[in-house]
N, C-alpha and C. Protein backbone atom coordinates (compact mmCIF):
# COMPACT_ATOMS: atom_id res chain seq x y z
N MET A 1 -57.31 -34.75 9.65
CA MET A 1 -57.46 -35.18 8.26
C MET A 1 -56.62 -34.29 7.36
N LEU A 2 -55.93 -34.91 6.41
CA LEU A 2 -55.11 -34.16 5.46
C LEU A 2 -55.98 -33.34 4.52
N ASN A 3 -55.46 -32.17 4.16
CA ASN A 3 -56.05 -31.39 3.09
C ASN A 3 -55.47 -31.89 1.77
N ALA A 4 -56.29 -31.97 0.74
CA ALA A 4 -55.81 -32.45 -0.56
C ALA A 4 -56.05 -31.39 -1.62
N ILE A 5 -55.01 -31.12 -2.38
CA ILE A 5 -55.10 -30.23 -3.54
C ILE A 5 -54.98 -31.12 -4.77
N PHE A 6 -55.88 -30.93 -5.71
CA PHE A 6 -55.91 -31.73 -6.93
C PHE A 6 -55.28 -30.93 -8.06
N SER A 7 -54.11 -31.36 -8.52
CA SER A 7 -53.42 -30.65 -9.60
C SER A 7 -54.24 -30.73 -10.89
N LYS A 8 -53.94 -29.81 -11.78
CA LYS A 8 -54.60 -29.79 -13.09
C LYS A 8 -54.37 -31.11 -13.82
N ASN A 9 -53.16 -31.62 -13.74
CA ASN A 9 -52.81 -32.88 -14.39
C ASN A 9 -53.60 -34.05 -13.79
N PHE A 10 -53.73 -34.07 -12.45
CA PHE A 10 -54.51 -35.12 -11.79
C PHE A 10 -55.96 -35.08 -12.27
N LYS A 11 -56.56 -33.91 -12.28
CA LYS A 11 -57.96 -33.78 -12.70
C LYS A 11 -58.16 -34.26 -14.14
N LYS A 12 -57.22 -33.90 -15.01
CA LYS A 12 -57.29 -34.31 -16.41
C LYS A 12 -57.21 -35.84 -16.54
N SER A 13 -56.26 -36.45 -15.82
CA SER A 13 -56.10 -37.90 -15.86
C SER A 13 -57.31 -38.61 -15.25
N PHE A 14 -57.83 -38.06 -14.16
CA PHE A 14 -58.99 -38.64 -13.47
C PHE A 14 -60.20 -38.71 -14.40
N LYS A 15 -60.45 -37.64 -15.14
CA LYS A 15 -61.62 -37.59 -16.03
C LYS A 15 -61.55 -38.65 -17.13
N LYS A 16 -60.35 -39.08 -17.49
CA LYS A 16 -60.17 -40.07 -18.56
C LYS A 16 -60.42 -41.50 -18.08
N LYS A 17 -60.47 -41.70 -16.77
CA LYS A 17 -60.65 -43.05 -16.24
C LYS A 17 -62.13 -43.43 -16.23
N ASP A 18 -62.42 -44.74 -16.29
CA ASP A 18 -63.81 -45.18 -16.26
C ASP A 18 -64.39 -44.98 -14.86
N LYS A 19 -65.71 -45.07 -14.78
CA LYS A 19 -66.43 -44.78 -13.53
C LYS A 19 -66.01 -45.70 -12.38
N ILE A 20 -65.72 -46.95 -12.67
CA ILE A 20 -65.32 -47.89 -11.61
C ILE A 20 -64.00 -47.44 -10.98
N ILE A 21 -63.03 -47.09 -11.82
CA ILE A 21 -61.74 -46.62 -11.31
C ILE A 21 -61.93 -45.30 -10.57
N GLN A 22 -62.73 -44.39 -11.10
CA GLN A 22 -62.97 -43.12 -10.43
C GLN A 22 -63.53 -43.34 -9.02
N GLU A 23 -64.45 -44.27 -8.88
CA GLU A 23 -65.04 -44.54 -7.57
C GLU A 23 -64.00 -45.12 -6.61
N LYS A 24 -63.17 -46.03 -7.12
CA LYS A 24 -62.11 -46.60 -6.28
C LYS A 24 -61.12 -45.53 -5.84
N VAL A 25 -60.82 -44.60 -6.75
CA VAL A 25 -59.91 -43.49 -6.42
C VAL A 25 -60.50 -42.65 -5.29
N LYS A 26 -61.77 -42.33 -5.39
CA LYS A 26 -62.42 -41.52 -4.35
C LYS A 26 -62.35 -42.21 -2.98
N ILE A 27 -62.60 -43.51 -2.97
CA ILE A 27 -62.57 -44.27 -1.71
C ILE A 27 -61.16 -44.27 -1.12
N ARG A 28 -60.17 -44.53 -1.96
CA ARG A 28 -58.79 -44.61 -1.47
C ARG A 28 -58.27 -43.24 -1.03
N ILE A 29 -58.64 -42.19 -1.74
CA ILE A 29 -58.20 -40.85 -1.33
C ILE A 29 -58.82 -40.48 0.01
N ARG A 30 -60.07 -40.84 0.22
CA ARG A 30 -60.71 -40.59 1.51
C ARG A 30 -59.95 -41.32 2.62
N LEU A 31 -59.63 -42.58 2.38
CA LEU A 31 -58.87 -43.38 3.34
C LEU A 31 -57.49 -42.76 3.57
N PHE A 32 -56.83 -42.35 2.50
CA PHE A 32 -55.51 -41.73 2.58
C PHE A 32 -55.55 -40.45 3.41
N ARG A 33 -56.56 -39.62 3.20
CA ARG A 33 -56.66 -38.37 3.95
C ARG A 33 -56.88 -38.62 5.43
N GLU A 34 -57.57 -39.70 5.77
CA GLU A 34 -57.79 -40.05 7.18
C GLU A 34 -56.56 -40.69 7.81
N ASP A 35 -55.86 -41.55 7.05
CA ASP A 35 -54.70 -42.27 7.58
C ASP A 35 -53.72 -42.56 6.44
N PRO A 36 -52.80 -41.64 6.17
CA PRO A 36 -51.88 -41.81 5.04
C PRO A 36 -50.99 -43.05 5.14
N ASN A 37 -50.87 -43.60 6.33
CA ASN A 37 -50.00 -44.77 6.51
C ASN A 37 -50.76 -46.09 6.60
N ASN A 38 -52.04 -46.07 6.25
CA ASN A 38 -52.82 -47.31 6.25
C ASN A 38 -52.12 -48.31 5.32
N LEU A 39 -51.90 -49.51 5.81
CA LEU A 39 -51.13 -50.51 5.06
C LEU A 39 -51.74 -50.86 3.70
N ILE A 40 -53.06 -50.79 3.58
CA ILE A 40 -53.70 -51.15 2.31
C ILE A 40 -53.27 -50.21 1.18
N LEU A 41 -52.82 -49.01 1.51
CA LEU A 41 -52.43 -48.02 0.51
C LEU A 41 -51.03 -48.25 -0.05
N ASN A 42 -50.20 -48.99 0.68
CA ASN A 42 -48.81 -49.22 0.26
C ASN A 42 -48.12 -47.89 -0.08
N ASN A 43 -48.25 -46.92 0.80
CA ASN A 43 -47.65 -45.60 0.62
C ASN A 43 -46.13 -45.74 0.58
N HIS A 44 -45.52 -45.28 -0.52
CA HIS A 44 -44.07 -45.40 -0.66
C HIS A 44 -43.48 -44.26 -1.47
N LYS A 45 -42.24 -43.91 -1.16
CA LYS A 45 -41.53 -42.84 -1.85
C LYS A 45 -41.11 -43.30 -3.24
N LEU A 46 -41.03 -42.30 -4.14
CA LEU A 46 -40.65 -42.58 -5.53
C LEU A 46 -39.30 -41.94 -5.83
N SER A 47 -38.71 -42.38 -6.93
CA SER A 47 -37.44 -41.80 -7.39
C SER A 47 -37.58 -41.49 -8.87
N GLY A 48 -36.49 -41.07 -9.47
CA GLY A 48 -36.51 -40.77 -10.90
C GLY A 48 -37.33 -39.54 -11.20
N GLU A 49 -38.19 -39.65 -12.19
CA GLU A 49 -39.03 -38.53 -12.63
C GLU A 49 -39.86 -37.95 -11.48
N TYR A 50 -40.26 -38.80 -10.56
CA TYR A 50 -41.11 -38.37 -9.45
C TYR A 50 -40.34 -38.25 -8.13
N GLU A 51 -39.06 -37.94 -8.21
CA GLU A 51 -38.24 -37.72 -7.01
C GLU A 51 -38.92 -36.68 -6.12
N GLY A 52 -39.03 -36.99 -4.84
CA GLY A 52 -39.68 -36.08 -3.89
C GLY A 52 -41.17 -36.35 -3.72
N CYS A 53 -41.70 -37.23 -4.56
CA CYS A 53 -43.11 -37.60 -4.48
C CYS A 53 -43.24 -39.00 -3.87
N SER A 54 -44.46 -39.35 -3.56
CA SER A 54 -44.78 -40.69 -3.08
C SER A 54 -45.97 -41.20 -3.88
N SER A 55 -46.31 -42.47 -3.65
CA SER A 55 -47.39 -43.10 -4.39
C SER A 55 -48.23 -43.95 -3.45
N ILE A 56 -49.52 -44.03 -3.73
CA ILE A 56 -50.40 -44.98 -3.04
C ILE A 56 -51.08 -45.85 -4.08
N ASN A 57 -51.44 -47.06 -3.67
CA ASN A 57 -52.13 -48.00 -4.55
C ASN A 57 -53.63 -47.73 -4.53
N ILE A 58 -54.21 -47.77 -5.70
CA ILE A 58 -55.67 -47.69 -5.84
C ILE A 58 -56.22 -49.09 -6.10
N THR A 59 -55.62 -49.76 -7.08
CA THR A 59 -55.92 -51.17 -7.38
C THR A 59 -54.56 -51.86 -7.50
N GLY A 60 -54.56 -53.07 -7.99
CA GLY A 60 -53.30 -53.76 -8.21
C GLY A 60 -52.39 -53.02 -9.17
N ASP A 61 -52.94 -52.27 -10.12
CA ASP A 61 -52.13 -51.59 -11.13
C ASP A 61 -52.22 -50.07 -11.05
N TYR A 62 -53.32 -49.51 -10.58
CA TYR A 62 -53.49 -48.05 -10.55
C TYR A 62 -52.83 -47.44 -9.34
N ARG A 63 -52.20 -46.28 -9.56
CA ARG A 63 -51.50 -45.54 -8.51
C ARG A 63 -51.91 -44.07 -8.55
N VAL A 64 -51.81 -43.43 -7.39
CA VAL A 64 -51.91 -41.97 -7.30
C VAL A 64 -50.56 -41.47 -6.81
N VAL A 65 -49.99 -40.53 -7.55
CA VAL A 65 -48.73 -39.90 -7.18
C VAL A 65 -49.06 -38.59 -6.46
N PHE A 66 -48.37 -38.36 -5.34
CA PHE A 66 -48.64 -37.15 -4.56
C PHE A 66 -47.36 -36.64 -3.94
N GLU A 67 -47.43 -35.40 -3.46
CA GLU A 67 -46.33 -34.82 -2.71
C GLU A 67 -46.90 -34.05 -1.53
N PHE A 68 -46.20 -34.10 -0.41
CA PHE A 68 -46.59 -33.31 0.74
C PHE A 68 -46.13 -31.87 0.53
N LEU A 69 -47.05 -30.92 0.68
CA LEU A 69 -46.69 -29.51 0.61
C LEU A 69 -46.29 -29.01 2.00
N ASP A 70 -46.95 -29.56 3.01
CA ASP A 70 -46.58 -29.37 4.41
C ASP A 70 -47.14 -30.57 5.16
N LYS A 71 -47.04 -30.58 6.48
CA LYS A 71 -47.43 -31.79 7.21
C LYS A 71 -48.93 -32.09 7.14
N ASN A 72 -49.74 -31.10 6.73
CA ASN A 72 -51.20 -31.29 6.68
C ASN A 72 -51.79 -31.22 5.28
N THR A 73 -50.97 -30.98 4.26
CA THR A 73 -51.49 -30.76 2.90
C THR A 73 -50.71 -31.58 1.88
N VAL A 74 -51.46 -32.27 1.03
CA VAL A 74 -50.85 -33.01 -0.07
C VAL A 74 -51.35 -32.47 -1.40
N ASN A 75 -50.46 -32.51 -2.38
CA ASN A 75 -50.80 -32.18 -3.75
C ASN A 75 -50.88 -33.48 -4.52
N LEU A 76 -52.05 -33.81 -5.04
CA LEU A 76 -52.23 -35.02 -5.84
C LEU A 76 -51.76 -34.68 -7.26
N VAL A 77 -50.66 -35.30 -7.67
CA VAL A 77 -49.94 -34.94 -8.89
C VAL A 77 -50.51 -35.63 -10.11
N ASP A 78 -50.77 -36.94 -10.02
CA ASP A 78 -51.21 -37.69 -11.20
C ASP A 78 -51.83 -39.01 -10.76
N ILE A 79 -52.55 -39.62 -11.68
CA ILE A 79 -53.14 -40.94 -11.45
C ILE A 79 -52.99 -41.73 -12.75
N GLY A 80 -52.70 -43.00 -12.62
CA GLY A 80 -52.59 -43.85 -13.79
C GLY A 80 -52.15 -45.25 -13.43
N THR A 81 -52.05 -46.08 -14.44
CA THR A 81 -51.53 -47.42 -14.22
C THR A 81 -50.02 -47.31 -14.02
N HIS A 82 -49.45 -48.37 -13.50
CA HIS A 82 -48.01 -48.39 -13.26
C HIS A 82 -47.26 -48.04 -14.56
N SER A 83 -47.66 -48.64 -15.66
CA SER A 83 -46.96 -48.39 -16.93
C SER A 83 -47.22 -46.97 -17.46
N GLU A 84 -48.40 -46.42 -17.23
CA GLU A 84 -48.69 -45.04 -17.68
C GLU A 84 -47.81 -44.04 -16.93
N LEU A 85 -47.58 -44.28 -15.67
CA LEU A 85 -46.84 -43.33 -14.85
C LEU A 85 -45.34 -43.48 -14.91
N TYR A 86 -44.84 -44.70 -14.98
CA TYR A 86 -43.42 -44.93 -14.76
C TYR A 86 -42.63 -45.38 -15.98
N GLU A 87 -43.26 -45.54 -17.13
CA GLU A 87 -42.49 -45.99 -18.30
C GLU A 87 -42.48 -44.96 -19.39
């Protein structure tokens, strides 16, 4: 199972989300830590501002941005809707 580090920015963004989104985030992060390549997560590399990071889907619009620190540890960078993160 992957180790996850929650960045200050991730924690701040997480607290601003409603309880339903928070619960979905917890479920998807648990799934991600067990199997980062699970197809439901749509794990994909990012470019631009988040070059070197990747993203997983939480809902149709919500994403978690993360980066691998090593093969067993990820840093969860941010969470938000597609437009909050990428525009």
